[in-house]
Amino acid sequence: MERDEQRLGNEGGHMSSTSGRIRHVADAVLPYVVVLKHPRSETTEHAFASMREAEAFIKRNTPTLPRSLSTLYDRPPSNA
């Protein structure tokens, strides 16, 4: 487990990716491939054994979207 933690801690130290997606490669040793999009360079691919690891990698290496309120409920109070 310690080796995995060291590997996860050494991912570059910054969020240079703008978005990420996961694709499944059947019959591969590491079947979940994360494709990261970078603003000024080509995409990169990183393989993982589980979907959970792939999702966590994307979460750590891409910016989070700002929270926004639903337009359905985000209305000024009525004067009635």
PDB file of N, CA and C in Angstrom:
ATOM      1  N   MET A   1       0.827  -1.204   0.000  1.00  0.00           N
ATOM      2  CA  MET A   1       0.000   0.000   0.000  1.00  0.00           C
ATOM      3  C   MET A   1       0.863   1.257   0.000  1.00  0.00           C
ATOM      4  N   GLU A   2       2.016   1.185   0.668  1.00  0.00           N
ATOM      5  CA  GLU A   2       2.873   2.356   0.737  1.00  0.00           C
ATOM      6  C   GLU A   2       3.362   2.763  -0.649  1.00  0.00           C
ATOM      7  N   ARG A   3       3.671   1.792  -1.488  1.00  0.00           N
ATOM      8  CA  ARG A   3       4.134   2.092  -2.838  1.00  0.00           C
ATOM      9  C   ARG A   3       3.044   2.803  -3.637  1.00  0.00           C
ATOM     10  N   ASP A   4       1.776   2.372  -3.478  1.00  0.00           N
ATOM     11  CA  ASP A   4       0.664   3.039  -4.166  1.00  0.00           C
ATOM     12  C   ASP A   4       0.523   4.481  -3.711  1.00  0.00           C
ATOM     13  N   GLU A   5       0.688   4.717  -2.397  1.00  0.00           N
ATOM     14  CA  GLU A   5       0.566   6.073  -1.884  1.00  0.00           C
ATOM     15  C   GLU A   5       1.672   6.966  -2.426  1.00  0.00           C
ATOM     16  N   GLN A   6       2.881   6.428  -2.560  1.00  0.00           N
ATOM     17  CA  GLN A   6       3.972   7.209  -3.132  1.00  0.00           C
ATOM     18  C   GLN A   6       3.695   7.525  -4.583  1.00  0.00           C
ATOM     19  N   ARG A   7       3.171   6.550  -5.319  1.00  0.00           N
ATOM     20  CA  ARG A   7       2.857   6.757  -6.733  1.00  0.00           C
ATOM     21  C   ARG A   7       1.788   7.832  -6.886  1.00  0.00           C
ATOM     22  N   LEU A   8       0.764   7.786  -6.026  1.00  0.00           N
ATOM     23  CA  LEU A   8      -0.321   8.762  -6.120  1.00  0.00           C
ATOM     24  C   LEU A   8       0.146  10.151  -5.720  1.00  0.00           C
ATOM     25  N   GLY A   9       1.091  10.234  -4.790  1.00  0.00           N
ATOM     26  CA  GLY A   9       1.581  11.529  -4.339  1.00  0.00           C
ATOM     27  C   GLY A   9       2.489  12.204  -5.336  1.00  0.00           C
ATOM     28  N   ASN A  10       2.968  11.495  -6.343  1.00  0.00           N
ATOM     29  CA  ASN A  10       3.904  12.053  -7.305  1.00  0.00           C
ATOM     30  C   ASN A  10       3.223  12.184  -8.667  1.00  0.00           C
ATOM     31  N   GLU A  11       2.246  13.047  -8.768  1.00  0.00           N
ATOM     32  CA  GLU A  11       1.497  13.217 -10.009  1.00  0.00           C
ATOM     33  C   GLU A  11       1.747  14.569 -10.655  1.00  0.00           C
ATOM     34  N   GLY A  12       2.786  15.250 -10.268  1.00  0.00           N
ATOM     35  CA  GLY A  12       3.088  16.513 -10.904  1.00  0.00           C
ATOM     36  C   GLY A  12       2.876  17.715 -10.011  1.00  0.00           C
ATOM     37  N   GLY A  13       2.024  17.626  -9.000  1.00  0.00           N
ATOM     38  CA  GLY A  13       1.845  18.693  -8.044  1.00  0.00           C
ATOM     39  C   GLY A  13       0.978  19.854  -8.489  1.00  0.00           C
ATOM     40  N   HIS A  14       0.422  19.814  -9.675  1.00  0.00           N
ATOM     41  CA  HIS A  14      -0.440  20.901 -10.122  1.00  0.00           C
ATOM     42  C   HIS A  14      -1.472  20.347 -11.092  1.00  0.00           C
ATOM     43  N   MET A  15      -2.495  21.142 -11.329  1.00  0.00           N
ATOM     44  CA  MET A  15      -3.564  20.720 -12.225  1.00  0.00           C
ATOM     45  C   MET A  15      -3.317  21.312 -13.600  1.00  0.00           C
ATOM     46  N   SER A  16      -2.636  20.579 -14.447  1.00  0.00           N
ATOM     47  CA  SER A  16      -2.361  21.076 -15.785  1.00  0.00           C
ATOM     48  C   SER A  16      -3.384  20.573 -16.798  1.00  0.00           C
ATOM     49  N   SER A  17      -4.350  19.807 -16.337  1.00  0.00           N
ATOM     50  CA  SER A  17      -5.366  19.243 -17.221  1.00  0.00           C
ATOM     51  C   SER A  17      -6.649  20.042 -17.121  1.00  0.00           C
ATOM     52  N   THR A  18      -7.330  20.173 -18.245  1.00  0.00           N
ATOM     53  CA  THR A  18      -8.593  20.899 -18.235  1.00  0.00           C
ATOM     54  C   THR A  18      -9.788  19.973 -18.095  1.00  0.00           C
ATOM     55  N   SER A  19      -9.642  18.720 -18.550  1.00  0.00           N
ATOM     56  CA  SER A  19     -10.732  17.764 -18.414  1.00  0.00           C
ATOM     57  C   SER A  19     -10.188  16.355 -18.556  1.00  0.00           C
ATOM     58  N   GLY A  20     -10.997  15.405 -18.123  1.00  0.00           N
ATOM     59  CA  GLY A  20     -10.583  14.010 -18.220  1.00  0.00           C
ATOM     60  C   GLY A  20     -11.774  13.113 -18.474  1.00  0.00           C
ATOM     61  N   ARG A  21     -11.506  11.981 -19.099  1.00  0.00           N
ATOM     62  CA  ARG A  21     -12.558  11.002 -19.331  1.00  0.00           C
ATOM     63  C   ARG A  21     -11.953   9.614 -19.178  1.00  0.00           C
ATOM     64  N   ILE A  22     -12.806   8.635 -18.982  1.00  0.00           N
ATOM     65  CA  ILE A  22     -12.365   7.260 -18.784  1.00  0.00           C
ATOM     66  C   ILE A  22     -12.918   6.410 -19.908  1.00  0.00           C
ATOM     67  N   ARG A  23     -12.062   5.552 -20.440  1.00  0.00           N
ATOM     68  CA  ARG A  23     -12.547   4.569 -21.410  1.00  0.00           C
ATOM     69  C   ARG A  23     -12.099   3.195 -20.940  1.00  0.00           C
ATOM     70  N   HIS A  24     -12.883   2.204 -21.267  1.00  0.00           N
ATOM     71  CA  HIS A  24     -12.611   0.825 -20.860  1.00  0.00           C
ATOM     72  C   HIS A  24     -12.007   0.068 -22.022  1.00  0.00           C
ATOM     73  N   VAL A  25     -10.897  -0.607 -21.761  1.00  0.00           N
ATOM     74  CA  VAL A  25     -10.224  -1.421 -22.767  1.00  0.00           C
ATOM     75  C   VAL A  25     -10.377  -2.876 -22.332  1.00  0.00           C
ATOM     76  N   ALA A  26     -11.189  -3.623 -23.048  1.00  0.00           N
ATOM     77  CA  ALA A  26     -11.453  -5.017 -22.683  1.00  0.00           C
ATOM     78  C   ALA A  26     -10.181  -5.854 -22.799  1.00  0.00           C
ATOM     79  N   ASP A  27     -10.052  -6.820 -21.915  1.00  0.00           N
ATOM     80  CA  ASP A  27      -8.948  -7.790 -21.903  1.00  0.00           C
ATOM     81  C   ASP A  27      -7.574  -7.171 -21.669  1.00  0.00           C
ATOM     82  N   ALA A  28      -7.491  -5.972 -21.130  1.00  0.00           N
ATOM     83  CA  ALA A  28      -6.202  -5.355 -20.807  1.00  0.00           C
ATOM     84  C   ALA A  28      -5.869  -5.623 -19.349  1.00  0.00           C
ATOM     85  N   VAL A  29      -4.592  -5.615 -19.018  1.00  0.00           N
ATOM     86  CA  VAL A  29      -4.170  -5.807 -17.629  1.00  0.00           C
ATOM     87  C   VAL A  29      -4.687  -4.656 -16.775  1.00  0.00           C
ATOM     88  N   LEU A  30      -4.579  -3.436 -17.280  1.00  0.00           N
ATOM     89  CA  LEU A  30      -5.132  -2.245 -16.628  1.00  0.00           C
ATOM     90  C   LEU A  30      -6.216  -1.695 -17.555  1.00  0.00           C
ATOM     91  N   PRO A  31      -7.464  -2.131 -17.356  1.00  0.00           N
ATOM     92  CA  PRO A  31      -8.509  -1.865 -18.352  1.00  0.00           C
ATOM     93  C   PRO A  31      -9.126  -0.465 -18.361  1.00  0.00           C
ATOM     94  N   TYR A  32      -8.895   0.333 -17.325  1.00  0.00           N
ATOM     95  CA  TYR A  32      -9.515   1.657 -17.283  1.00  0.00           C
ATOM     96  C   TYR A  32      -8.470   2.706 -17.639  1.00  0.00           C
ATOM     97  N   VAL A  33      -8.664   3.378 -18.757  1.00  0.00           N
ATOM     98  CA  VAL A  33      -7.697   4.347 -19.262  1.00  0.00           C
ATOM     99  C   VAL A  33      -8.274   5.748 -19.124  1.00  0.00           C
ATOM    100  N   VAL A  34      -7.546   6.599 -18.405  1.00  0.00           N
ATOM    101  CA  VAL A  34      -7.927   8.000 -18.250  1.00  0.00           C
ATOM    102  C   VAL A  34      -7.253   8.794 -19.356  1.00  0.00           C
ATOM    103  N   VAL A  35      -8.044   9.577 -20.064  1.00  0.00           N
ATOM    104  CA  VAL A  35      -7.517  10.461 -21.105  1.00  0.00           C
ATOM    105  C   VAL A  35      -7.672  11.887 -20.580  1.00  0.00           C
ATOM    106  N   LEU A  36      -6.530  12.552 -20.344  1.00  0.00           N
ATOM    107  CA  LEU A  36      -6.546  13.923 -19.844  1.00  0.00           C
ATOM    108  C   LEU A  36      -6.279  14.891 -20.981  1.00  0.00           C
ATOM    109  N   LYS A  37      -7.077  15.948 -21.037  1.00  0.00           N
ATOM    110  CA  LYS A  37      -6.906  16.996 -22.033  1.00  0.00           C
ATOM    111  C   LYS A  37      -6.129  18.141 -21.397  1.00  0.00           C
ATOM    112  N   HIS A  38      -5.110  18.631 -22.099  1.00  0.00           N
ATOM    113  CA  HIS A  38      -4.258  19.711 -21.607  1.00  0.00           C
ATOM    114  C   HIS A  38      -4.426  20.933 -22.503  1.00  0.00           C
ATOM    115  N   PRO A  39      -4.357  22.134 -21.934  1.00  0.00           N
ATOM    116  CA  PRO A  39      -4.624  23.334 -22.724  1.00  0.00           C
ATOM    117  C   PRO A  39      -3.595  23.637 -23.806  1.00  0.00           C
ATOM    118  N   ARG A  40      -2.320  23.341 -23.575  1.00  0.00           N
ATOM    119  CA  ARG A  40      -1.290  23.721 -24.548  1.00  0.00           C
ATOM    120  C   ARG A  40      -0.470  22.543 -25.050  1.00  0.00           C
ATOM    121  N   SER A  41      -0.967  21.338 -24.851  1.00  0.00           N
ATOM    122  CA  SER A  41      -0.238  20.168 -25.332  1.00  0.00           C
ATOM    123  C   SER A  41      -1.220  19.054 -25.685  1.00  0.00           C
ATOM    124  N   GLU A  42      -0.666  17.954 -26.139  1.00  0.00           N
ATOM    125  CA  GLU A  42      -1.504  16.835 -26.539  1.00  0.00           C
ATOM    126  C   GLU A  42      -2.105  16.131 -25.322  1.00  0.00           C
ATOM    127  N   THR A  43      -3.111  15.314 -25.558  1.00  0.00           N
ATOM    128  CA  THR A  43      -3.728  14.557 -24.476  1.00  0.00           C
ATOM    129  C   THR A  43      -2.761  13.495 -23.969  1.00  0.00           C
ATOM    130  N   THR A  44      -2.961  13.091 -22.720  1.00  0.00           N
ATOM    131  CA  THR A  44      -2.159  12.022 -22.135  1.00  0.00           C
ATOM    132  C   THR A  44      -3.089  10.914 -21.665  1.00  0.00           C
ATOM    133  N   GLU A  45      -2.555   9.694 -21.629  1.00  0.00           N
ATOM    134  CA  GLU A  45      -3.333   8.541 -21.192  1.00  0.00           C
ATOM    135  C   GLU A  45      -2.642   7.877 -20.015  1.00  0.00           C
ATOM    136  N   HIS A  46      -3.458   7.435 -19.037  1.00  0.00           N
ATOM    137  CA  HIS A  46      -2.956   6.795 -17.821  1.00  0.00           C
ATOM    138  C   HIS A  46      -3.868   5.604 -17.533  1.00  0.00           C
ATOM    139  N   ALA A  47      -3.288   4.417 -17.372  1.00  0.00           N
ATOM    140  CA  ALA A  47      -4.074   3.198 -17.173  1.00  0.00           C
ATOM    141  C   ALA A  47      -4.192   2.854 -15.691  1.00  0.00           C
ATOM    142  N   PHE A  48      -5.358   2.299 -15.317  1.00  0.00           N
ATOM    143  CA  PHE A  48      -5.638   1.924 -13.933  1.00  0.00           C
ATOM    144  C   PHE A  48      -6.357   0.584 -13.886  1.00  0.00           C
ATOM    145  N   ALA A  49      -6.244  -0.080 -12.748  1.00  0.00           N
ATOM    146  CA  ALA A  49      -6.863  -1.391 -12.569  1.00  0.00           C
ATOM    147  C   ALA A  49      -8.354  -1.283 -12.268  1.00  0.00           C
ATOM    148  N   SER A  50      -8.789  -0.175 -11.658  1.00  0.00           N
ATOM    149  CA  SER A  50     -10.204  -0.066 -11.290  1.00  0.00           C
ATOM    150  C   SER A  50     -10.773   1.293 -11.691  1.00  0.00           C
ATOM    151  N   MET A  51     -12.072   1.327 -11.819  1.00  0.00           N
ATOM    152  CA  MET A  51     -12.791   2.565 -12.132  1.00  0.00           C
ATOM    153  C   MET A  51     -12.586   3.580 -11.005  1.00  0.00           C
ATOM    154  N   ARG A  52     -12.586   3.106  -9.773  1.00  0.00           N
ATOM    155  CA  ARG A  52     -12.420   3.997  -8.615  1.00  0.00           C
ATOM    156  C   ARG A  52     -11.074   4.729  -8.679  1.00  0.00           C
ATOM    157  N   GLU A  53     -10.004   4.005  -9.008  1.00  0.00           N
ATOM    158  CA  GLU A  53      -8.688   4.633  -9.129  1.00  0.00           C
ATOM    159  C   GLU A  53      -8.674   5.662 -10.257  1.00  0.00           C
ATOM    160  N   ALA A  54      -9.295   5.333 -11.371  1.00  0.00           N
ATOM    161  CA  ALA A  54      -9.341   6.242 -12.515  1.00  0.00           C
ATOM    162  C   ALA A  54     -10.111   7.515 -12.181  1.00  0.00           C
ATOM    163  N   GLU A  55     -11.249   7.369 -11.509  1.00  0.00           N
ATOM    164  CA  GLU A  55     -12.042   8.536 -11.127  1.00  0.00           C
ATOM    165  C   GLU A  55     -11.287   9.419 -10.143  1.00  0.00           C
ATOM    166  N   ALA A  56     -10.605   8.803  -9.180  1.00  0.00           N
ATOM    167  CA  ALA A  56      -9.834   9.566  -8.198  1.00  0.00           C
ATOM    168  C   ALA A  56      -8.694  10.334  -8.877  1.00  0.00           C
ATOM    169  N   PHE A  57      -8.061   9.722  -9.864  1.00  0.00           N
ATOM    170  CA  PHE A  57      -6.984  10.381 -10.595  1.00  0.00           C
ATOM    171  C   PHE A  57      -7.507  11.617 -11.322  1.00  0.00           C
ATOM    172  N   ILE A  58      -8.653  11.492 -11.958  1.00  0.00           N
ATOM    173  CA  ILE A  58      -9.244  12.647 -12.648  1.00  0.00           C
ATOM    174  C   ILE A  58      -9.583  13.739 -11.641  1.00  0.00           C
ATOM    175  N   LYS A  59     -10.137  13.362 -10.523  1.00  0.00           N
ATOM    176  CA  LYS A  59     -10.524  14.343  -9.505  1.00  0.00           C
ATOM    177  C   LYS A  59      -9.314  15.113  -8.984  1.00  0.00           C
ATOM    178  N   ARG A  60      -8.186  14.415  -8.828  1.00  0.00           N
ATOM    179  CA  ARG A  60      -6.972  15.067  -8.329  1.00  0.00           C
ATOM    180  C   ARG A  60      -6.277  15.928  -9.378  1.00  0.00           C
ATOM    181  N   ASN A  61      -6.494  15.647 -10.643  1.00  0.00           N
ATOM    182  CA  ASN A  61      -5.711  16.302 -11.692  1.00  0.00           C
ATOM    183  C   ASN A  61      -6.498  17.238 -12.595  1.00  0.00           C
ATOM    184  N   THR A  62      -7.744  17.498 -12.279  1.00  0.00           N
ATOM    185  CA  THR A  62      -8.534  18.454 -13.046  1.00  0.00           C
ATOM    186  C   THR A  62      -9.222  19.414 -12.080  1.00  0.00           C
ATOM    187  N   PRO A  63      -9.469  20.645 -12.497  1.00  0.00           N
ATOM    188  CA  PRO A  63     -10.139  21.595 -11.612  1.00  0.00           C
ATOM    189  C   PRO A  63     -11.605  21.210 -11.399  1.00  0.00           C
ATOM    190  N   THR A  64     -12.110  21.547 -10.241  1.00  0.00           N
ATOM    191  CA  THR A  64     -13.519  21.286  -9.964  1.00  0.00           C
ATOM    192  C   THR A  64     -14.360  22.419 -10.526  1.00  0.00           C
ATOM    193  N   LEU A  65     -15.551  22.095 -10.945  1.00  0.00           N
ATOM    194  CA  LEU A  65     -16.463  23.108 -11.459  1.00  0.00           C
ATOM    195  C   LEU A  65     -17.024  23.919 -10.302  1.00  0.00           C
ATOM    196  N   PRO A  66     -17.214  25.215 -10.500  1.00  0.00           N
ATOM    197  CA  PRO A  66     -17.804  26.009  -9.422  1.00  0.00           C
ATOM    198  C   PRO A  66     -19.243  25.565  -9.158  1.00  0.00           C
ATOM    199  N   ARG A  67     -19.630  25.599  -7.908  1.00  0.00           N
ATOM    200  CA  ARG A  67     -21.002  25.229  -7.566  1.00  0.00           C
ATOM    201  C   ARG A  67     -21.946  26.293  -8.093  1.00  0.00           C
ATOM    202  N   SER A  68     -23.030  25.853  -8.631  1.00  0.00           N
ATOM    203  CA  SER A  68     -24.018  26.798  -9.135  1.00  0.00           C
ATOM    204  C   SER A  68     -25.398  26.344  -8.691  1.00  0.00           C
ATOM    205  N   LEU A  69     -26.254  27.295  -8.515  1.00  0.00           N
ATOM    206  CA  LEU A  69     -27.621  26.997  -8.117  1.00  0.00           C
ATOM    207  C   LEU A  69     -28.461  26.700  -9.351  1.00  0.00           C
ATOM    208  N   SER A  70     -29.433  25.884  -9.160  1.00  0.00           N
ATOM    209  CA  SER A  70     -30.349  25.585 -10.246  1.00  0.00           C
ATOM    210  C   SER A  70     -31.116  26.844 -10.619  1.00  0.00           C
ATOM    211  N   THR A  71     -31.290  27.099 -11.899  1.00  0.00           N
ATOM    212  CA  THR A  71     -32.049  28.270 -12.333  1.00  0.00           C
ATOM    213  C   THR A  71     -33.528  28.114 -12.006  1.00  0.00           C
ATOM    214  N   LEU A  72     -33.951  26.885 -11.754  1.00  0.00           N
ATOM    215  CA  LEU A  72     -35.343  26.652 -11.390  1.00  0.00           C
ATOM    216  C   LEU A  72     -35.667  27.277 -10.043  1.00  0.00           C
ATOM    217  N   TYR A  73     -34.720  27.214  -9.095  1.00  0.00           N
ATOM    218  CA  TYR A  73     -34.969  27.715  -7.750  1.00  0.00           C
ATOM    219  C   TYR A  73     -34.253  29.024  -7.454  1.00  0.00           C
ATOM    220  N   ASP A  74     -33.338  29.432  -8.299  1.00  0.00           N
ATOM    221  CA  ASP A  74     -32.561  30.627  -8.067  1.00  0.00           C
ATOM    222  C   ASP A  74     -33.290  31.837  -8.635  1.00  0.00           C
ATOM    223  N   ARG A  75     -34.304  32.290  -7.908  1.00  0.00           N
ATOM    224  CA  ARG A  75     -35.120  33.423  -8.345  1.00  0.00           C
ATOM    225  C   ARG A  75     -35.306  34.397  -7.189  1.00  0.00           C
ATOM    226  N   PRO A  76     -35.477  35.651  -7.502  1.00  0.00           N
ATOM    227  CA  PRO A  76     -35.731  36.607  -6.417  1.00  0.00           C
ATOM    228  C   PRO A  76     -37.080  36.297  -5.755  1.00  0.00           C
ATOM    229  N   PRO A  77     -37.223  36.648  -4.484  1.00  0.00           N
ATOM    230  CA  PRO A  77     -38.497  36.399  -3.817  1.00  0.00           C
ATOM    231  C   PRO A  77     -39.629  37.197  -4.489  1.00  0.00           C
ATOM    232  N   SER A  78     -40.785  36.596  -4.531  1.00  0.00           N
ATOM    233  CA  SER A  78     -41.925  37.279  -5.165  1.00  0.00           C
ATOM    234  C   SER A  78     -42.459  38.359  -4.231  1.00  0.00           C
ATOM    235  N   ASN A  79     -43.174  39.329  -4.811  1.00  0.00           N
ATOM    236  CA  ASN A  79     -43.746  40.430  -4.038  1.00  0.00           C
ATOM    237  C   ASN A  79     -45.159  40.111  -3.571  1.00  0.00           C
ATOM    238  N   ALA A  80     -45.627  38.913  -3.801  1.00  0.00           N
ATOM    239  CA  ALA A  80     -47.005  38.588  -3.447  1.00  0.00           C
ATOM    240  C   ALA A  80     -47.205  38.365  -1.986  1.00  0.00           C
TER     241      ALA A  80
END
